[in-house]
Every structure is written in C-alpha cells, then in structure tokens.
Amino acid sequence: MNLTIGKKLSISTVITLSLLITLSTVAYLSLLQIRNTSDRAMSLLPEAAKMEQLQFTLAEALKINDFFVSGDLGKKESFELSALAMGELMESLEKLELTAEEKTVLARMKKEFGLLREKTRQIF
C-alpha cells in the first residue's frame, strides 16, 4: 500500500481529531459528575450542620444531667435551656428528608430525651 504524503497527513489529522474529541467528551462527562456530586454535598450541608448541632446539644444536656445525678442542682436552668434547644432541633430535623433508619434513630432519640426530661423533672 503506497500512501502519498497528503493521505498520510490526512489520516494522522483524523486520528488526532478523533482522540481530541474522545478525550474532551470524557473530561466533560467527568466534570458533570463532579458538579453533580458537589451539588449533592452542598444540599446535604444544612442537614449535617443540624445533626452536628443536635449532637452538641444532646452532649450538653447529658453532661448537665450528670451534675443532677451527682447532686449539683445549680445547673437546672442550663438544662432547661438545653432541653428547649434540643426540642427545637429535633423538630427541625423532622422536616428534613430522612431515610427510614434515620427516622428510627430520631424517634429513639426523642423517646430517650423525653425520659431524661421526665426524670429531671422528678428530681426537682
């Protein structure tokens, strides 16, 4: 097969353009996937912030409850404030789209925290 210089240049140009188009398409699809992933992560950010806030409030309430158990009743007002914040956070979490497992965990947390509040009221 005897190819002229013009045919060889044409073939190499077509191959180069084919590779360029293929790589550009792959890069574009990868960037779309990255954008979709980052959009999903940004949409979950408020949920994560609320969960973190709930975790901190629950830890504070449990710490204050330990003071009650040890006999230090000076933290009663702090516990009541934490309990109010905890209730508000749990209500705001119920408005989020949660999986069945997350709903179960939230319901268990509400039940346990309700028992904690009831026992605290009995102490006073």
C-alpha atoms as a PDB file:
ATOM      1  CA  MET A   1       0.000   0.000   0.000  1.00  0.00           C
ATOM      2  CA  ASN A   2       1.598   3.151  -1.240  1.00  0.00           C
ATOM      3  CA  LEU A   3       0.279   6.255   0.549  1.00  0.00           C
ATOM      4  CA  THR A   4       1.124   9.709  -0.548  1.00  0.00           C
ATOM      5  CA  ILE A   5       2.214  12.384   1.887  1.00  0.00           C
ATOM      6  CA  GLY A   6      -1.202  14.085   1.630  1.00  0.00           C
ATOM      7  CA  LYS A   7      -3.049  10.885   2.558  1.00  0.00           C
ATOM      8  CA  LYS A   8      -0.686  10.206   5.475  1.00  0.00           C
ATOM      9  CA  LEU A   9      -1.209  13.753   6.789  1.00  0.00           C
ATOM     10  CA  SER A  10      -4.985  13.414   6.386  1.00  0.00           C
ATOM     11  CA  ILE A  11      -5.068  10.113   8.283  1.00  0.00           C
ATOM     12  CA  SER A  12      -2.918  11.454  11.130  1.00  0.00           C
ATOM     13  CA  THR A  13      -5.110  14.582  11.344  1.00  0.00           C
ATOM     14  CA  VAL A  14      -8.287  12.462  11.536  1.00  0.00           C
ATOM     15  CA  ILE A  15      -6.754  10.237  14.231  1.00  0.00           C
ATOM     16  CA  THR A  16      -5.596  13.278  16.228  1.00  0.00           C
ATOM     17  CA  LEU A  17      -9.026  14.936  15.973  1.00  0.00           C
ATOM     18  CA  SER A  18     -10.743  11.663  16.986  1.00  0.00           C
ATOM     19  CA  LEU A  19      -8.548  11.397  20.074  1.00  0.00           C
ATOM     20  CA  LEU A  20      -9.135  15.049  20.897  1.00  0.00           C
ATOM     21  CA  ILE A  21     -12.916  14.657  20.652  1.00  0.00           C
ATOM     22  CA  THR A  22     -12.848  11.457  22.735  1.00  0.00           C
ATOM     23  CA  LEU A  23     -10.723  12.987  25.490  1.00  0.00           C
ATOM     24  CA  SER A  24     -12.805  16.170  25.511  1.00  0.00           C
ATOM     25  CA  THR A  25     -16.009  14.152  25.881  1.00  0.00           C
ATOM     26  CA  VAL A  26     -14.575  12.088  28.739  1.00  0.00           C
ATOM     27  CA  ALA A  27     -13.341  15.243  30.506  1.00  0.00           C
ATOM     28  CA  TYR A  28     -16.718  16.961  30.080  1.00  0.00           C
ATOM     29  CA  LEU A  29     -18.624  13.957  31.457  1.00  0.00           C
ATOM     30  CA  SER A  30     -16.232  13.745  34.400  1.00  0.00           C
ATOM     31  CA  LEU A  31     -16.743  17.437  35.169  1.00  0.00           C
ATOM     32  CA  LEU A  32     -20.523  16.942  35.051  1.00  0.00           C
ATOM     33  CA  GLN A  33     -20.215  14.088  37.522  1.00  0.00           C
ATOM     34  CA  ILE A  34     -18.058  16.218  39.833  1.00  0.00           C
ATOM     35  CA  ARG A  35     -20.597  19.052  39.638  1.00  0.00           C
ATOM     36  CA  ASN A  36     -23.466  16.713  40.473  1.00  0.00           C
ATOM     37  CA  THR A  37     -21.557  15.285  43.416  1.00  0.00           C
ATOM     38  CA  SER A  38     -20.681  18.727  44.766  1.00  0.00           C
ATOM     39  CA  ASP A  39     -24.303  19.895  44.339  1.00  0.00           C
ATOM     40  CA  ARG A  40     -25.459  16.867  46.342  1.00  0.00           C
ATOM     41  CA  ALA A  41     -22.863  17.549  49.030  1.00  0.00           C
ATOM     42  CA  MET A  42     -23.938  21.189  49.264  1.00  0.00           C
ATOM     43  CA  SER A  43     -27.583  20.166  49.578  1.00  0.00           C
ATOM     44  CA  LEU A  44     -26.667  17.883  52.497  1.00  0.00           C
ATOM     45  CA  LEU A  45     -24.642  20.569  54.275  1.00  0.00           C
ATOM     46  CA  PRO A  46     -27.607  22.088  56.181  1.00  0.00           C
ATOM     47  CA  GLU A  47     -28.664  18.615  57.314  1.00  0.00           C
ATOM     48  CA  ALA A  48     -25.159  17.856  58.534  1.00  0.00           C
ATOM     49  CA  ALA A  49     -24.999  21.158  60.389  1.00  0.00           C
ATOM     50  CA  LYS A  50     -28.307  20.443  62.138  1.00  0.00           C
ATOM     51  CA  MET A  51     -27.161  16.939  63.074  1.00  0.00           C
ATOM     52  CA  GLU A  52     -23.915  18.324  64.469  1.00  0.00           C
ATOM     53  CA  GLN A  53     -25.804  20.954  66.445  1.00  0.00           C
ATOM     54  CA  LEU A  54     -28.161  18.279  67.766  1.00  0.00           C
ATOM     55  CA  GLN A  55     -25.229  16.116  68.801  1.00  0.00           C
ATOM     56  CA  PHE A  56     -23.611  19.017  70.680  1.00  0.00           C
ATOM     57  CA  THR A  57     -26.883  19.970  72.411  1.00  0.00           C
ATOM     58  CA  LEU A  58     -27.514  16.368  73.434  1.00  0.00           C
ATOM     59  CA  ALA A  59     -23.997  16.062  74.830  1.00  0.00           C
ATOM     60  CA  GLU A  60     -24.516  19.263  76.847  1.00  0.00           C
ATOM     61  CA  ALA A  61     -27.848  18.030  78.188  1.00  0.00           C
ATOM     62  CA  LEU A  62     -26.347  14.695  79.210  1.00  0.00           C
ATOM     63  CA  LYS A  63     -23.425  16.425  80.906  1.00  0.00           C
ATOM     64  CA  ILE A  64     -25.797  18.655  82.856  1.00  0.00           C
ATOM     65  CA  ASN A  65     -27.893  15.607  83.764  1.00  0.00           C
ATOM     66  CA  ASP A  66     -24.751  14.040  85.266  1.00  0.00           C
ATOM     67  CA  PHE A  67     -24.475  17.085  87.541  1.00  0.00           C
ATOM     68  CA  PHE A  68     -28.043  16.448  88.703  1.00  0.00           C
ATOM     69  CA  VAL A  69     -27.309  12.820  89.432  1.00  0.00           C
ATOM     70  CA  SER A  70     -24.263  13.841  91.462  1.00  0.00           C
ATOM     71  CA  GLY A  71     -26.428  16.272  93.463  1.00  0.00           C
ATOM     72  CA  ASP A  72     -25.403  19.603  91.873  1.00  0.00           C
ATOM     73  CA  LEU A  73     -28.765  21.299  91.272  1.00  0.00           C
ATOM     74  CA  GLY A  74     -27.268  24.638  90.255  1.00  0.00           C
ATOM     75  CA  LYS A  75     -27.371  23.637  86.591  1.00  0.00           C
ATOM     76  CA  LYS A  76     -31.168  23.322  86.420  1.00  0.00           C
ATOM     77  CA  GLU A  77     -31.604  26.440  84.308  1.00  0.00           C
ATOM     78  CA  SER A  78     -28.874  25.351  81.892  1.00  0.00           C
ATOM     79  CA  PHE A  79     -30.570  22.004  81.442  1.00  0.00           C
ATOM     80  CA  GLU A  80     -33.913  23.625  80.724  1.00  0.00           C
ATOM     81  CA  LEU A  81     -32.305  25.831  78.058  1.00  0.00           C
ATOM     82  CA  SER A  82     -30.577  22.813  76.532  1.00  0.00           C
ATOM     83  CA  ALA A  83     -33.833  20.878  76.593  1.00  0.00           C
ATOM     84  CA  LEU A  84     -35.603  23.674  74.713  1.00  0.00           C
ATOM     85  CA  ALA A  85     -32.821  23.839  72.112  1.00  0.00           C
ATOM     86  CA  MET A  86     -32.895  20.062  71.792  1.00  0.00           C
ATOM     87  CA  GLY A  87     -36.654  20.064  71.178  1.00  0.00           C
ATOM     88  CA  GLU A  88     -36.369  22.759  68.513  1.00  0.00           C
ATOM     89  CA  LEU A  89     -33.550  20.900  66.765  1.00  0.00           C
ATOM     90  CA  MET A  90     -35.460  17.633  66.751  1.00  0.00           C
ATOM     91  CA  GLU A  91     -38.487  19.377  65.251  1.00  0.00           C
ATOM     92  CA  SER A  92     -36.330  20.943  62.531  1.00  0.00           C
ATOM     93  CA  LEU A  93     -34.780  17.544  61.769  1.00  0.00           C
ATOM     94  CA  GLU A  94     -38.221  16.024  61.288  1.00  0.00           C
ATOM     95  CA  LYS A  95     -38.779  18.455  58.403  1.00  0.00           C
ATOM     96  CA  LEU A  96     -35.744  17.122  56.520  1.00  0.00           C
ATOM     97  CA  GLU A  97     -35.871  14.217  54.106  1.00  0.00           C
ATOM     98  CA  LEU A  98     -34.618  11.336  56.240  1.00  0.00           C
ATOM     99  CA  THR A  99     -34.178   7.670  55.466  1.00  0.00           C
ATOM    100  CA  ALA A 100     -36.195   5.096  57.383  1.00  0.00           C
ATOM    101  CA  GLU A 101     -33.154   4.295  59.523  1.00  0.00           C
ATOM    102  CA  GLU A 102     -32.562   7.973  60.322  1.00  0.00           C
ATOM    103  CA  LYS A 103     -36.226   8.397  61.242  1.00  0.00           C
ATOM    104  CA  THR A 104     -35.956   5.414  63.580  1.00  0.00           C
ATOM    105  CA  VAL A 105     -32.843   6.871  65.243  1.00  0.00           C
ATOM    106  CA  LEU A 106     -34.521  10.280  65.604  1.00  0.00           C
ATOM    107  CA  ALA A 107     -37.638   8.694  67.129  1.00  0.00           C
ATOM    108  CA  ARG A 108     -35.474   6.750  69.592  1.00  0.00           C
ATOM    109  CA  MET A 109     -33.575   9.937  70.479  1.00  0.00           C
ATOM    110  CA  LYS A 110     -36.830  11.788  71.097  1.00  0.00           C
ATOM    111  CA  LYS A 111     -38.084   8.970  73.318  1.00  0.00           C
ATOM    112  CA  GLU A 112     -34.840   8.757  75.293  1.00  0.00           C
ATOM    113  CA  PHE A 113     -34.603  12.517  75.689  1.00  0.00           C
ATOM    114  CA  GLY A 114     -38.245  12.619  76.797  1.00  0.00           C
ATOM    115  CA  LEU A 115     -37.432  10.091  79.503  1.00  0.00           C
ATOM    116  CA  LEU A 116     -34.394  12.138  80.517  1.00  0.00           C
ATOM    117  CA  ARG A 117     -36.509  15.293  80.825  1.00  0.00           C
ATOM    118  CA  GLU A 118     -39.130  13.431  82.851  1.00  0.00           C
ATOM    119  CA  LYS A 119     -36.540  12.044  85.270  1.00  0.00           C
ATOM    120  CA  THR A 120     -35.019  15.512  85.615  1.00  0.00           C
ATOM    121  CA  ARG A 121     -38.426  16.960  86.469  1.00  0.00           C
ATOM    122  CA  GLN A 122     -38.864  14.257  89.094  1.00  0.00           C
ATOM    123  CA  ILE A 123     -35.565  15.262  90.709  1.00  0.00           C
ATOM    124  CA  PHE A 124     -36.852  18.791  91.191  1.00  0.00           C
END
